[in-house]
């Protein structure tokens, strides 16, 4: 079994992208992350932070569903939680600016 060890996020990100090859996987990730942003903004606007409990459920739920049922691989979160979390947001930014095509 191959173990991927990364010394930096810049080493990790190409691996992260290779685990998100299918268009629908990227759409699910972007959707989950966008909903998380809206939940955070909604919570701040309404001064009601109980909704923040839903952010990991929504964010990881959309992502993990796409890995298990669309991409058919294990989420990188299981072995690289911090880099994977950062990767989700960088990938969303790259999708929004057109650096990653859907």
N, C-alpha and C. Protein backbone atom coordinates (compact mmCIF):
# COMPACT_ATOMS: atom_id res chain seq x y z
N UNK A 1 0.84 -1.19 0.00
CA UNK A 1 0.00 0.00 0.00
C UNK A 1 0.88 1.24 0.00
N UNK A 2 0.65 2.12 -0.93
CA UNK A 2 1.46 3.32 -1.07
C UNK A 2 0.99 4.38 -0.07
N UNK A 3 1.95 4.97 0.64
CA UNK A 3 1.63 6.04 1.58
C UNK A 3 2.11 7.35 0.97
N UNK A 4 1.21 8.30 0.86
CA UNK A 4 1.57 9.61 0.34
C UNK A 4 1.94 10.52 1.49
N UNK A 5 3.19 10.97 1.49
CA UNK A 5 3.65 11.90 2.51
C UNK A 5 3.98 13.21 1.82
N UNK A 6 3.42 14.27 2.34
CA UNK A 6 3.61 15.58 1.74
C UNK A 6 4.25 16.51 2.76
N UNK A 7 5.22 17.28 2.29
CA UNK A 7 5.92 18.22 3.17
C UNK A 7 5.33 19.62 3.14
N UNK A 8 4.43 19.85 2.20
CA UNK A 8 3.81 21.17 2.09
C UNK A 8 2.48 21.04 1.35
N UNK A 9 1.68 22.08 1.46
CA UNK A 9 0.41 22.08 0.73
C UNK A 9 0.67 22.09 -0.78
N UNK A 10 1.70 22.80 -1.21
CA UNK A 10 1.99 22.85 -2.66
C UNK A 10 2.35 21.48 -3.21
N UNK A 11 2.93 20.61 -2.39
CA UNK A 11 3.17 19.22 -2.81
C UNK A 11 1.87 18.42 -2.81
N UNK A 12 0.99 18.73 -1.88
CA UNK A 12 -0.26 17.98 -1.71
C UNK A 12 -1.29 18.32 -2.79
N UNK A 13 -1.40 19.58 -3.20
CA UNK A 13 -2.50 20.04 -4.05
C UNK A 13 -2.61 19.27 -5.38
N UNK A 14 -1.51 18.97 -6.08
CA UNK A 14 -1.68 18.16 -7.31
C UNK A 14 -2.29 16.79 -7.02
N UNK A 15 -1.89 16.17 -5.92
CA UNK A 15 -2.51 14.90 -5.51
C UNK A 15 -4.00 15.11 -5.25
N UNK A 16 -4.32 16.16 -4.52
CA UNK A 16 -5.71 16.49 -4.20
C UNK A 16 -6.54 16.61 -5.48
N UNK A 17 -6.02 17.35 -6.44
CA UNK A 17 -6.75 17.52 -7.71
C UNK A 17 -6.90 16.20 -8.46
N UNK A 18 -5.91 15.32 -8.34
CA UNK A 18 -5.99 14.03 -9.03
C UNK A 18 -7.09 13.14 -8.43
N UNK A 19 -7.49 13.44 -7.21
CA UNK A 19 -8.56 12.70 -6.55
C UNK A 19 -9.94 13.29 -6.88
N UNK A 20 -9.97 14.33 -7.70
CA UNK A 20 -11.21 15.03 -8.08
C UNK A 20 -11.26 15.17 -9.60
N UNK A 21 -11.21 14.06 -10.30
CA UNK A 21 -11.15 14.09 -11.76
C UNK A 21 -12.51 14.31 -12.41
N UNK A 22 -13.55 13.81 -11.79
CA UNK A 22 -14.87 13.87 -12.42
C UNK A 22 -15.55 15.22 -12.16
N UNK A 23 -16.20 15.70 -13.20
CA UNK A 23 -16.88 16.99 -13.13
C UNK A 23 -17.89 17.03 -11.99
N UNK A 24 -18.67 15.98 -11.83
CA UNK A 24 -19.70 15.96 -10.80
C UNK A 24 -19.10 16.00 -9.39
N UNK A 25 -17.94 15.40 -9.21
CA UNK A 25 -17.26 15.47 -7.91
C UNK A 25 -16.93 16.91 -7.57
N UNK A 26 -16.38 17.63 -8.54
CA UNK A 26 -16.04 19.04 -8.31
C UNK A 26 -17.30 19.87 -8.06
N UNK A 27 -18.37 19.56 -8.77
CA UNK A 27 -19.63 20.29 -8.56
C UNK A 27 -20.16 20.04 -7.15
N UNK A 28 -20.13 18.80 -6.69
CA UNK A 28 -20.58 18.50 -5.33
C UNK A 28 -19.73 19.23 -4.30
N UNK A 29 -18.41 19.23 -4.48
CA UNK A 29 -17.53 19.94 -3.55
C UNK A 29 -17.84 21.43 -3.53
N UNK A 30 -17.96 22.02 -4.71
CA UNK A 30 -18.22 23.46 -4.80
C UNK A 30 -19.58 23.79 -4.21
N UNK A 31 -20.57 22.95 -4.43
CA UNK A 31 -21.91 23.17 -3.87
C UNK A 31 -21.86 23.13 -2.35
N UNK A 32 -21.25 22.11 -1.80
CA UNK A 32 -21.15 22.00 -0.34
C UNK A 32 -20.42 23.18 0.27
N UNK A 33 -19.31 23.58 -0.32
CA UNK A 33 -18.54 24.72 0.20
C UNK A 33 -19.33 26.01 0.10
N UNK A 34 -20.06 26.20 -0.99
CA UNK A 34 -20.86 27.41 -1.17
C UNK A 34 -21.99 27.46 -0.14
N UNK A 35 -22.64 26.35 0.10
CA UNK A 35 -23.69 26.30 1.12
C UNK A 35 -23.11 26.63 2.49
N UNK A 36 -21.91 26.12 2.77
CA UNK A 36 -21.24 26.44 4.04
C UNK A 36 -21.04 27.95 4.18
N UNK A 37 -20.60 28.60 3.12
CA UNK A 37 -20.42 30.06 3.16
C UNK A 37 -21.75 30.75 3.47
N UNK A 38 -22.82 30.31 2.82
CA UNK A 38 -24.13 30.91 3.08
C UNK A 38 -24.61 30.67 4.51
N UNK A 39 -24.35 29.50 5.04
CA UNK A 39 -24.73 29.21 6.43
C UNK A 39 -23.98 30.15 7.38
N UNK A 40 -22.69 30.33 7.12
CA UNK A 40 -21.89 31.23 7.97
C UNK A 40 -22.43 32.66 7.88
N UNK A 41 -22.67 33.13 6.68
CA UNK A 41 -23.21 34.50 6.51
C UNK A 41 -24.59 34.64 7.13
N UNK A 42 -25.44 33.65 6.95
CA UNK A 42 -26.78 33.65 7.54
C UNK A 42 -26.69 33.71 9.06
N UNK A 43 -25.80 32.93 9.64
CA UNK A 43 -25.63 32.90 11.08
C UNK A 43 -25.16 34.24 11.62
N UNK A 44 -24.21 34.85 10.92
CA UNK A 44 -23.71 36.16 11.35
C UNK A 44 -24.80 37.21 11.22
N UNK A 45 -25.49 37.22 10.08
CA UNK A 45 -26.54 38.20 9.83
C UNK A 45 -27.65 38.11 10.88
N UNK A 46 -28.02 36.89 11.24
CA UNK A 46 -29.12 36.69 12.19
C UNK A 46 -28.64 36.58 13.63
N UNK A 47 -27.34 36.72 13.83
CA UNK A 47 -26.76 36.61 15.17
C UNK A 47 -27.24 35.34 15.87
N UNK A 48 -27.29 34.26 15.10
CA UNK A 48 -27.75 32.97 15.60
C UNK A 48 -26.76 31.90 15.13
N UNK A 49 -25.87 31.55 16.01
CA UNK A 49 -24.75 30.72 15.63
C UNK A 49 -25.01 29.22 15.74
N UNK A 50 -26.22 28.87 16.12
CA UNK A 50 -26.55 27.44 16.22
C UNK A 50 -26.50 26.76 14.85
N UNK A 51 -26.69 27.52 13.78
CA UNK A 51 -26.67 26.95 12.44
C UNK A 51 -25.27 26.52 12.01
N UNK A 52 -24.26 27.03 12.69
CA UNK A 52 -22.89 26.68 12.34
C UNK A 52 -22.61 25.20 12.56
N UNK A 53 -23.40 24.56 13.41
CA UNK A 53 -23.23 23.12 13.62
C UNK A 53 -23.46 22.32 12.33
N UNK A 54 -24.20 22.91 11.41
CA UNK A 54 -24.49 22.22 10.15
C UNK A 54 -23.34 22.32 9.14
N UNK A 55 -22.40 23.23 9.36
CA UNK A 55 -21.36 23.44 8.35
C UNK A 55 -20.51 22.20 8.08
N UNK A 56 -20.04 21.48 9.10
CA UNK A 56 -19.25 20.28 8.74
C UNK A 56 -20.11 19.18 8.11
N UNK A 57 -21.36 19.10 8.52
CA UNK A 57 -22.26 18.09 7.96
C UNK A 57 -22.48 18.36 6.47
N UNK A 58 -22.75 19.61 6.14
CA UNK A 58 -22.98 20.00 4.75
C UNK A 58 -21.68 19.91 3.95
N UNK A 59 -20.63 20.54 4.45
CA UNK A 59 -19.37 20.58 3.71
C UNK A 59 -18.81 19.20 3.44
N UNK A 60 -18.66 18.42 4.51
CA UNK A 60 -18.11 17.07 4.32
C UNK A 60 -19.13 16.12 3.71
N UNK A 61 -20.39 16.32 3.98
CA UNK A 61 -21.43 15.45 3.42
C UNK A 61 -21.43 15.47 1.90
N UNK A 62 -21.44 16.66 1.32
CA UNK A 62 -21.41 16.77 -0.14
C UNK A 62 -20.12 16.18 -0.70
N UNK A 63 -19.00 16.50 -0.06
CA UNK A 63 -17.70 16.04 -0.55
C UNK A 63 -17.59 14.52 -0.45
N UNK A 64 -17.89 13.97 0.70
CA UNK A 64 -17.73 12.54 0.90
C UNK A 64 -18.70 11.74 0.04
N UNK A 65 -19.92 12.23 -0.12
CA UNK A 65 -20.86 11.56 -1.02
C UNK A 65 -20.24 11.43 -2.41
N UNK A 66 -19.67 12.54 -2.88
CA UNK A 66 -19.10 12.53 -4.23
C UNK A 66 -17.92 11.57 -4.35
N UNK A 67 -17.14 11.45 -3.29
CA UNK A 67 -16.01 10.52 -3.35
C UNK A 67 -16.48 9.07 -3.34
N UNK A 68 -17.41 8.75 -2.46
CA UNK A 68 -17.85 7.36 -2.33
C UNK A 68 -18.68 6.89 -3.52
N UNK A 69 -19.55 7.77 -4.06
CA UNK A 69 -20.52 7.32 -5.06
C UNK A 69 -20.24 7.80 -6.49
N UNK A 70 -19.44 8.83 -6.64
CA UNK A 70 -19.17 9.36 -7.98
C UNK A 70 -17.71 9.07 -8.38
N UNK A 71 -16.79 9.56 -7.57
CA UNK A 71 -15.37 9.38 -7.87
C UNK A 71 -14.89 7.96 -7.53
N UNK A 72 -15.59 7.34 -6.59
CA UNK A 72 -15.28 5.98 -6.12
C UNK A 72 -13.85 5.87 -5.57
N UNK A 73 -13.52 6.82 -4.70
CA UNK A 73 -12.24 6.77 -3.98
C UNK A 73 -12.48 7.26 -2.55
N UNK A 74 -11.45 7.18 -1.73
CA UNK A 74 -11.56 7.64 -0.34
C UNK A 74 -11.22 9.11 -0.27
N UNK A 75 -11.98 9.87 0.51
CA UNK A 75 -11.65 11.29 0.66
C UNK A 75 -10.25 11.47 1.24
N UNK A 76 -9.53 12.45 0.73
CA UNK A 76 -8.19 12.75 1.23
C UNK A 76 -8.24 13.21 2.69
N UNK A 77 -9.41 13.64 3.13
CA UNK A 77 -9.59 14.09 4.51
C UNK A 77 -9.19 13.03 5.52
N UNK A 78 -9.36 11.78 5.17
CA UNK A 78 -9.08 10.70 6.11
C UNK A 78 -7.60 10.61 6.47
N UNK A 79 -6.72 10.93 5.52
CA UNK A 79 -5.29 10.85 5.80
C UNK A 79 -4.61 12.21 5.90
N UNK A 80 -5.23 13.22 5.30
CA UNK A 80 -4.63 14.56 5.26
C UNK A 80 -5.71 15.61 5.57
N UNK A 81 -6.22 15.63 6.80
CA UNK A 81 -7.37 16.49 7.08
C UNK A 81 -7.14 17.99 6.87
N UNK A 82 -6.02 18.52 7.31
CA UNK A 82 -5.79 19.96 7.17
C UNK A 82 -5.55 20.34 5.71
N UNK A 83 -4.67 19.62 5.04
CA UNK A 83 -4.41 19.92 3.63
C UNK A 83 -5.67 19.74 2.79
N UNK A 84 -6.47 18.75 3.12
CA UNK A 84 -7.70 18.51 2.38
C UNK A 84 -8.69 19.66 2.58
N UNK A 85 -8.80 20.13 3.81
CA UNK A 85 -9.69 21.25 4.12
C UNK A 85 -9.26 22.48 3.32
N UNK A 86 -7.96 22.76 3.32
CA UNK A 86 -7.44 23.90 2.56
C UNK A 86 -7.69 23.67 1.07
N UNK A 87 -7.47 22.44 0.62
CA UNK A 87 -7.67 22.11 -0.80
C UNK A 87 -9.09 22.37 -1.27
N UNK A 88 -10.07 22.07 -0.40
CA UNK A 88 -11.47 22.33 -0.76
C UNK A 88 -11.68 23.80 -1.11
N UNK A 89 -11.12 24.68 -0.29
CA UNK A 89 -11.33 26.12 -0.49
C UNK A 89 -10.51 26.65 -1.67
N UNK A 90 -9.31 26.12 -1.86
CA UNK A 90 -8.50 26.54 -3.01
C UNK A 90 -9.16 26.06 -4.30
N UNK A 91 -9.67 24.83 -4.29
CA UNK A 91 -10.33 24.31 -5.48
C UNK A 91 -11.58 25.14 -5.79
N UNK A 92 -12.36 25.52 -4.78
CA UNK A 92 -13.53 26.37 -5.01
C UNK A 92 -13.09 27.69 -5.64
N UNK A 93 -12.06 28.30 -5.10
CA UNK A 93 -11.55 29.55 -5.66
C UNK A 93 -11.12 29.35 -7.11
N UNK A 94 -10.40 28.25 -7.36
CA UNK A 94 -9.93 27.97 -8.73
C UNK A 94 -11.09 27.72 -9.69
N UNK A 95 -12.14 27.11 -9.21
CA UNK A 95 -13.35 26.91 -10.04
C UNK A 95 -13.99 28.27 -10.34
N UNK A 96 -14.12 29.09 -9.32
CA UNK A 96 -14.79 30.39 -9.49
C UNK A 96 -14.03 31.33 -10.41
N UNK A 97 -12.70 31.26 -10.40
CA UNK A 97 -11.93 32.15 -11.27
C UNK A 97 -11.65 31.52 -12.65
N UNK A 98 -12.11 30.29 -12.85
CA UNK A 98 -11.97 29.64 -14.14
C UNK A 98 -10.65 28.90 -14.33
N UNK A 99 -9.84 28.81 -13.30
CA UNK A 99 -8.58 28.07 -13.41
C UNK A 99 -8.84 26.56 -13.53
N UNK A 100 -9.90 26.10 -12.87
CA UNK A 100 -10.35 24.72 -13.00
C UNK A 100 -11.67 24.74 -13.74
N UNK A 101 -11.74 24.02 -14.83
CA UNK A 101 -12.95 23.94 -15.64
C UNK A 101 -13.86 22.82 -15.14
N UNK A 102 -15.14 23.06 -15.19
CA UNK A 102 -16.10 22.01 -14.82
C UNK A 102 -16.60 21.30 -16.02
